[in-house]
N, C-alpha and C. Protein backbone atom coordinates (compact mmCIF):
# COMPACT_ATOMS: atom_id res chain seq x y z
N MET A 1 0.91 -1.06 -0.24
CA MET A 1 0.16 0.03 0.03
C MET A 1 0.90 1.26 0.03
N GLY A 2 0.83 2.36 -0.92
CA GLY A 2 1.63 3.15 -1.16
C GLY A 2 1.29 4.43 -0.10
N ARG A 3 2.09 5.31 0.33
CA ARG A 3 1.62 6.41 0.91
C ARG A 3 0.93 7.64 0.26
N THR A 4 -0.03 8.18 1.35
CA THR A 4 -0.59 9.37 0.70
C THR A 4 -0.01 10.60 0.33
N ASP A 5 -0.54 11.47 -0.61
CA ASP A 5 0.42 12.71 -0.66
C ASP A 5 0.74 13.41 0.59
N ALA A 6 -0.10 13.19 1.81
CA ALA A 6 0.51 13.95 3.36
C ALA A 6 1.38 13.21 3.76
N GLU A 7 1.35 11.86 3.41
CA GLU A 7 2.39 10.98 4.32
C GLU A 7 4.00 11.13 3.36
N SER A 8 3.78 11.21 1.98
CA SER A 8 4.92 11.46 1.31
C SER A 8 5.56 12.56 1.41
N HIS A 9 4.74 13.77 1.64
CA HIS A 9 5.38 14.97 2.08
C HIS A 9 5.91 15.35 3.40
N LEU A 10 5.33 14.57 4.43
CA LEU A 10 6.11 14.45 5.78
C LEU A 10 7.46 13.32 5.75
N TYR A 11 7.37 12.31 5.15
CA TYR A 11 8.56 11.59 4.99
C TYR A 11 9.84 12.28 4.15
N GLU A 12 9.31 13.28 3.29
CA GLU A 12 10.47 13.99 2.62
C GLU A 12 10.83 14.96 3.48
N LEU A 13 9.85 15.63 3.93
CA LEU A 13 10.35 16.66 5.26
C LEU A 13 11.52 15.90 6.33
N LEU A 14 10.72 14.98 6.90
CA LEU A 14 11.43 14.14 7.97
C LEU A 14 12.87 13.67 7.52
N GLN A 15 12.66 12.88 6.77
CA GLN A 15 13.76 11.87 6.25
C GLN A 15 14.64 12.48 5.68
N THR A 16 14.42 13.08 4.23
CA THR A 16 15.34 13.74 3.29
C THR A 16 15.77 14.81 3.88
N THR A 17 14.99 15.93 3.84
CA THR A 17 15.45 17.28 4.29
C THR A 17 16.20 17.30 5.76
N TYR A 18 15.17 16.91 6.87
CA TYR A 18 15.57 16.90 8.46
C TYR A 18 16.93 15.83 8.49
N PHE A 19 16.65 14.52 8.72
CA PHE A 19 17.31 13.63 9.37
C PHE A 19 18.58 13.67 8.49
N ASP A 20 18.30 13.33 6.99
CA ASP A 20 19.66 12.71 6.22
C ASP A 20 20.63 14.11 5.98
N SER A 21 20.12 15.22 6.49
CA SER A 21 21.08 16.54 6.40
C SER A 21 21.77 16.66 7.79
N ILE A 22 20.97 15.97 8.99
CA ILE A 22 21.86 15.79 10.29
C ILE A 22 22.70 14.82 10.06
N ASP A 23 22.54 13.86 9.58
CA ASP A 23 23.41 12.62 9.67
C ASP A 23 24.69 12.77 8.57
N GLY A 24 24.24 13.94 7.74
CA GLY A 24 25.37 14.32 6.63
C GLY A 24 25.89 15.29 7.31
N GLY A 25 25.75 15.91 8.70
CA GLY A 25 26.57 16.98 9.38
C GLY A 25 26.14 18.26 8.73
N ASP A 26 24.97 18.49 8.37
CA ASP A 26 24.48 19.56 7.56
C ASP A 26 23.36 20.51 8.47
N ALA A 27 23.49 21.24 9.38
CA ALA A 27 22.51 21.64 10.29
C ALA A 27 21.61 22.76 9.69
N GLU A 28 22.50 23.60 8.61
CA GLU A 28 21.88 24.70 7.91
C GLU A 28 20.85 23.96 6.87
N SER A 29 20.95 22.86 6.20
CA SER A 29 19.90 22.35 5.41
C SER A 29 18.73 21.44 6.19
N ALA A 30 19.29 21.12 7.47
CA ALA A 30 18.47 20.30 8.33
C ALA A 30 17.14 20.95 8.65
N VAL A 31 17.60 22.19 9.30
CA VAL A 31 16.13 23.22 9.20
C VAL A 31 15.44 23.85 8.49
N GLU A 32 15.87 23.63 7.21
CA GLU A 32 14.97 24.05 6.04
C GLU A 32 13.49 23.19 6.17
N ALA A 33 13.81 22.00 6.95
CA ALA A 33 12.13 21.27 7.03
C ALA A 33 11.30 22.22 8.08
N LEU A 34 11.97 23.23 8.99
CA LEU A 34 11.18 23.84 9.73
C LEU A 34 10.94 25.21 9.98
N HIS A 35 9.69 25.34 10.66
CA HIS A 35 9.08 26.63 10.27
C HIS A 35 9.91 27.43 11.13
N ASP A 36 9.71 28.98 10.73
CA ASP A 36 10.39 29.78 11.53
C ASP A 36 9.95 29.79 13.16
N ASP A 37 9.03 29.53 13.30
CA ASP A 37 8.70 29.92 14.90
C ASP A 37 7.98 28.27 15.26
N VAL A 38 9.15 27.27 14.93
CA VAL A 38 9.01 25.90 15.15
C VAL A 38 8.84 25.83 16.71
N GLU A 39 7.90 24.91 17.27
CA GLU A 39 8.10 24.27 18.86
C GLU A 39 8.56 23.12 18.54
N TRP A 40 9.82 22.95 19.22
CA TRP A 40 10.50 21.76 19.12
C TRP A 40 10.87 20.92 20.30
N THR A 41 10.59 19.80 20.53
CA THR A 41 10.77 19.26 21.84
C THR A 41 11.25 17.67 21.43
N HIS A 42 12.49 17.73 22.06
CA HIS A 42 13.56 16.24 21.89
C HIS A 42 13.49 15.81 23.18
N THR A 43 13.26 14.54 23.39
CA THR A 43 14.18 13.67 24.35
C THR A 43 15.08 12.67 23.79
N GLN A 44 16.34 12.99 24.34
CA GLN A 44 17.26 12.19 23.92
C GLN A 44 16.92 10.64 23.62
N VAL A 45 17.54 10.20 22.63
CA VAL A 45 17.16 8.26 22.24
C VAL A 45 18.36 7.61 22.21
N TRP A 46 19.37 8.25 21.66
CA TRP A 46 20.85 7.48 21.49
C TRP A 46 21.77 8.26 22.54
N GLU A 47 22.02 7.60 23.83
CA GLU A 47 22.69 8.34 25.07
C GLU A 47 24.17 8.55 24.33
N HIS A 48 24.61 9.67 24.31
CA HIS A 48 26.36 10.10 23.96
C HIS A 48 26.69 11.23 24.66
N ASP A 49 28.02 11.22 25.06
CA ASP A 49 28.45 12.59 25.50
C ASP A 49 27.76 13.08 26.42
N GLY A 50 27.39 12.33 27.30
CA GLY A 50 26.81 12.80 28.65
C GLY A 50 25.24 13.45 28.46
N HIS A 51 24.86 13.33 27.04
CA HIS A 51 23.57 13.53 26.89
C HIS A 51 22.67 12.13 27.31
N THR A 52 21.74 12.34 27.98
CA THR A 52 20.83 11.31 28.77
C THR A 52 19.09 11.10 28.14
N ASN A 53 18.74 10.06 28.28
CA ASN A 53 17.21 10.25 27.91
C ASN A 53 16.38 10.86 29.10
N ARG A 54 17.04 11.05 30.14
CA ARG A 54 16.46 11.94 31.25
C ARG A 54 16.22 13.17 31.01
N ALA A 55 16.16 13.78 30.14
CA ALA A 55 16.62 15.32 29.74
C ALA A 55 15.67 15.38 28.68
N THR A 56 14.65 16.49 28.45
CA THR A 56 14.06 16.73 27.39
C THR A 56 14.35 18.16 26.95
N ASP A 57 14.76 18.21 25.59
CA ASP A 57 15.42 19.53 25.36
C ASP A 57 13.81 20.18 24.58
N THR A 58 13.83 21.40 25.02
CA THR A 58 12.56 22.08 24.49
C THR A 58 13.02 23.53 23.89
N LEU A 59 12.86 23.93 22.59
CA LEU A 59 13.26 24.85 21.83
C LEU A 59 12.18 25.55 21.26
N GLU A 60 12.39 26.97 20.95
CA GLU A 60 11.45 27.70 20.06
C GLU A 60 12.22 28.28 18.90
N GLY A 61 11.51 28.15 17.96
CA GLY A 61 12.15 28.86 16.57
C GLY A 61 13.27 28.14 16.00
N LYS A 62 13.27 28.36 14.86
CA LYS A 62 14.25 27.54 13.95
C LYS A 62 15.87 28.08 14.20
N ALA A 63 16.04 29.07 14.73
CA ALA A 63 17.54 29.75 14.64
C ALA A 63 17.97 28.86 16.13
N ALA A 64 16.97 28.71 17.37
CA ALA A 64 17.31 27.83 18.46
C ALA A 64 17.57 26.38 18.08
N VAL A 65 16.73 26.00 17.13
CA VAL A 65 17.18 24.57 16.93
C VAL A 65 18.49 24.52 15.87
N HIS A 66 18.60 25.43 15.24
CA HIS A 66 20.10 25.14 14.34
C HIS A 66 21.21 25.59 15.46
N GLU A 67 21.05 26.35 16.27
CA GLU A 67 22.52 26.44 17.24
C GLU A 67 22.11 24.89 17.70
N PHE A 68 21.26 24.52 18.55
CA PHE A 68 21.36 23.17 19.04
C PHE A 68 21.92 21.89 18.12
N LEU A 69 21.49 21.84 16.94
CA LEU A 69 22.02 21.01 16.31
C LEU A 69 23.58 21.24 15.75
N ALA A 70 23.81 22.56 15.48
CA ALA A 70 25.12 22.81 15.18
C ALA A 70 26.13 22.40 16.24
N GLY A 71 25.68 22.19 17.33
CA GLY A 71 26.40 21.83 18.76
C GLY A 71 26.81 20.61 18.76
N ARG A 72 25.70 19.90 18.29
CA ARG A 72 25.57 18.36 18.53
C ARG A 72 26.05 17.27 17.06
N ILE A 73 26.14 18.24 16.00
CA ILE A 73 26.25 17.32 14.92
C ILE A 73 27.68 16.43 14.90
N ASP A 74 28.72 17.47 15.35
CA ASP A 74 29.81 16.69 15.37
C ASP A 74 30.02 15.57 16.21
N GLU A 75 29.59 15.48 17.45
CA GLU A 75 29.06 14.58 18.29
C GLU A 75 28.43 13.24 17.73
N MET A 76 27.63 13.43 17.13
CA MET A 76 26.67 12.51 16.05
C MET A 76 27.33 11.93 15.21
N GLN A 77 28.12 12.67 14.32
CA GLN A 77 29.08 12.12 13.43
C GLN A 77 30.16 11.08 13.98
N ALA A 78 30.75 11.52 15.31
CA ALA A 78 31.80 10.84 16.22
C ALA A 78 30.99 9.30 16.50
N GLU A 79 29.66 9.18 16.75
CA GLU A 79 29.04 8.48 17.06
C GLU A 79 28.86 7.25 16.08
N GLY A 80 28.72 7.92 14.68
CA GLY A 80 28.21 7.05 13.45
C GLY A 80 26.89 6.66 13.84
N ILE A 81 26.13 7.66 14.12
CA ILE A 81 24.63 7.15 14.27
C ILE A 81 23.66 7.73 12.80
N GLU A 82 22.91 7.04 12.48
CA GLU A 82 21.91 7.63 11.62
C GLU A 82 20.68 7.43 12.09
N HIS A 83 19.54 8.48 11.56
CA HIS A 83 18.09 8.33 11.88
C HIS A 83 17.59 7.69 10.74
N LYS A 84 16.38 6.77 10.67
CA LYS A 84 16.03 6.02 9.61
C LYS A 84 14.38 6.14 9.99
N ILE A 85 13.47 6.57 9.20
CA ILE A 85 11.96 6.75 9.26
C ILE A 85 11.73 5.22 8.90
N ARG A 86 10.76 4.48 9.83
CA ARG A 86 10.21 3.25 9.58
C ARG A 86 9.09 3.52 9.02
N ASP A 87 8.10 4.17 9.81
CA ASP A 87 6.69 4.45 9.51
C ASP A 87 6.32 5.80 9.48
N VAL A 88 5.42 6.18 8.41
CA VAL A 88 4.87 7.43 8.91
C VAL A 88 3.31 7.62 8.35
N VAL A 89 2.58 8.23 9.43
CA VAL A 89 1.31 8.52 8.89
C VAL A 89 0.85 9.99 9.03
N ALA A 90 -0.09 10.29 8.07
CA ALA A 90 -0.22 11.90 8.00
C ALA A 90 -1.68 12.02 7.68
N SER A 91 -2.48 13.19 8.19
CA SER A 91 -3.30 13.55 7.53
C SER A 91 -3.63 14.91 7.55
N GLY A 92 -4.01 15.74 6.55
CA GLY A 92 -3.87 17.22 6.53
C GLY A 92 -2.53 17.53 6.99
N ASP A 93 -2.42 18.69 8.22
CA ASP A 93 -1.44 18.96 8.72
C ASP A 93 -0.92 18.47 9.70
N THR A 94 -1.29 17.31 9.98
CA THR A 94 -0.57 16.84 11.12
C THR A 94 -0.20 15.24 10.79
N GLY A 95 0.76 14.51 11.79
CA GLY A 95 1.18 13.51 11.29
C GLY A 95 2.22 12.62 12.63
N ALA A 96 2.43 11.43 12.28
CA ALA A 96 3.15 10.83 13.28
C ALA A 96 4.15 9.68 12.64
N PHE A 97 5.43 9.27 13.20
CA PHE A 97 6.12 8.53 12.55
C PHE A 97 7.01 7.73 13.60
N ARG A 98 7.42 6.75 13.07
CA ARG A 98 8.13 5.75 13.86
C ARG A 98 9.56 5.83 13.25
N ALA A 99 10.58 5.62 14.33
CA ALA A 99 11.89 5.72 13.21
C ALA A 99 12.77 5.04 14.38
N ALA A 100 14.19 5.02 13.92
CA ALA A 100 15.30 4.57 14.74
C ALA A 100 16.33 5.21 14.49
N VAL A 101 17.11 5.23 15.66
CA VAL A 101 18.77 5.98 15.46
C VAL A 101 19.28 4.47 15.56
N VAL A 102 20.37 4.59 14.34
CA VAL A 102 20.66 3.26 13.98
C VAL A 102 22.47 3.50 14.13
N GLY A 103 23.00 2.85 14.90
CA GLY A 103 24.60 2.80 15.36
C GLY A 103 25.57 2.34 14.02
N PRO A 104 26.53 2.44 14.12
CA PRO A 104 27.81 1.70 13.22
C PRO A 104 27.78 0.18 13.16
N ASP A 105 27.18 -0.53 14.41
CA ASP A 105 27.14 -2.03 14.62
C ASP A 105 25.59 -2.41 14.03
N GLY A 106 24.67 -1.66 13.79
CA GLY A 106 23.30 -1.80 13.22
C GLY A 106 22.39 -1.96 14.42
N ASP A 107 22.93 -1.61 15.47
CA ASP A 107 22.10 -1.40 16.87
C ASP A 107 21.21 -0.56 16.50
N ALA A 108 19.50 -0.58 16.88
CA ALA A 108 18.85 0.40 16.65
C ALA A 108 17.95 0.51 17.87
N LEU A 109 17.83 2.15 17.99
CA LEU A 109 17.10 2.59 19.26
C LEU A 109 16.14 3.03 18.42
N PRO A 110 14.40 2.62 18.76
CA PRO A 110 13.44 2.97 18.12
C PRO A 110 12.89 4.38 18.71
N PHE A 111 12.27 5.56 18.23
CA PHE A 111 11.69 6.69 18.84
C PHE A 111 10.50 6.85 18.18
N LEU A 112 9.44 7.55 18.58
CA LEU A 112 8.54 7.97 17.79
C LEU A 112 8.14 9.52 17.79
N GLY A 113 7.50 10.05 17.04
CA GLY A 113 7.38 11.44 16.86
C GLY A 113 5.97 12.02 16.48
N TRP A 114 5.52 13.24 16.88
CA TRP A 114 4.62 13.88 16.34
C TRP A 114 4.95 15.03 15.83
N VAL A 115 4.23 15.72 14.53
CA VAL A 115 4.70 16.77 13.93
C VAL A 115 3.10 17.55 13.69
N GLU A 116 3.05 18.55 13.58
CA GLU A 116 2.30 19.50 12.77
C GLU A 116 2.73 20.43 12.22
N LEU A 117 2.16 20.76 10.55
CA LEU A 117 2.75 21.44 9.93
C LEU A 117 2.18 22.69 9.86
N GLU A 118 2.98 23.81 9.08
CA GLU A 118 2.06 25.11 8.71
C GLU A 118 3.01 25.72 7.87
N ASP A 119 2.20 25.95 6.71
CA ASP A 119 3.08 26.70 5.54
C ASP A 119 3.74 25.67 4.78
N ASP A 120 3.31 24.01 4.94
CA ASP A 120 4.20 23.17 4.49
C ASP A 120 5.50 22.71 4.95
N VAL A 121 6.00 23.45 5.89
CA VAL A 121 7.15 22.95 6.77
C VAL A 121 6.44 22.36 8.36
N ILE A 122 7.43 22.23 9.42
CA ILE A 122 7.35 21.51 10.29
C ILE A 122 7.08 22.72 11.49
N ARG A 123 6.03 22.70 12.21
CA ARG A 123 5.56 23.75 12.92
C ARG A 123 5.87 23.26 14.57
N THR A 124 5.47 22.04 14.69
CA THR A 124 5.57 21.60 16.02
C THR A 124 6.08 20.21 15.75
N TYR A 125 7.18 19.93 16.57
CA TYR A 125 7.83 18.72 16.48
C TYR A 125 8.32 17.97 17.82
N THR A 126 7.84 16.77 17.95
CA THR A 126 7.90 16.32 19.57
C THR A 126 8.57 14.77 19.06
N VAL A 127 9.80 14.49 19.85
CA VAL A 127 9.99 13.01 19.59
C VAL A 127 10.64 12.73 21.00
N THR A 128 10.26 11.46 21.27
CA THR A 128 10.61 10.67 22.41
C THR A 128 10.64 9.07 21.99
N PRO A 129 11.76 8.32 23.11
CA PRO A 129 12.19 7.17 22.75
C PRO A 129 10.89 6.32 22.84
N GLU A 130 10.63 5.12 21.84
CA GLU A 130 9.58 4.35 21.98
C GLU A 130 9.72 3.68 23.54
N ARG A 131 10.48 3.22 24.08
CA ARG A 131 10.69 2.58 25.27
C ARG A 131 12.12 3.08 25.90
N MET A 132 12.03 3.51 27.03
CA MET A 132 13.07 3.69 27.94
C MET A 132 13.85 2.41 28.14
N PRO A 133 15.27 2.69 28.23
CA PRO A 133 15.96 1.33 28.66
C PRO A 133 16.00 1.17 30.07
N GLU A 134 16.40 -0.21 30.50
CA GLU A 134 15.94 -0.26 31.75
C GLU A 134 17.51 0.33 32.72
């Protein structure tokens, strides 16, 4: 079964523009998926460099997210992790996705996300681990 137009658009924003750019070390291109006034909430999925899943970062605005990503991209590159969308569902300007952070040895930690779009880009972005490690 194929994706709807809304699901295809959301997949392109998330995987191609946002996550592929992050994984490629390009914070500037990654934030092109985001609205200028994005509300961005992120709970750490892959623990590294002192970043744990016990803290949630909440940022407002594309510039704040760019600064956050620019500060973390080198660490993610050193870890060798990539973000891979597994499933996406969308209707109109809202959607959800299931994805995984995949390490260099193939280890994968799943996470869930909720997004709301405005002006065809992400206005609300919320990510949390699918399950918390014990």
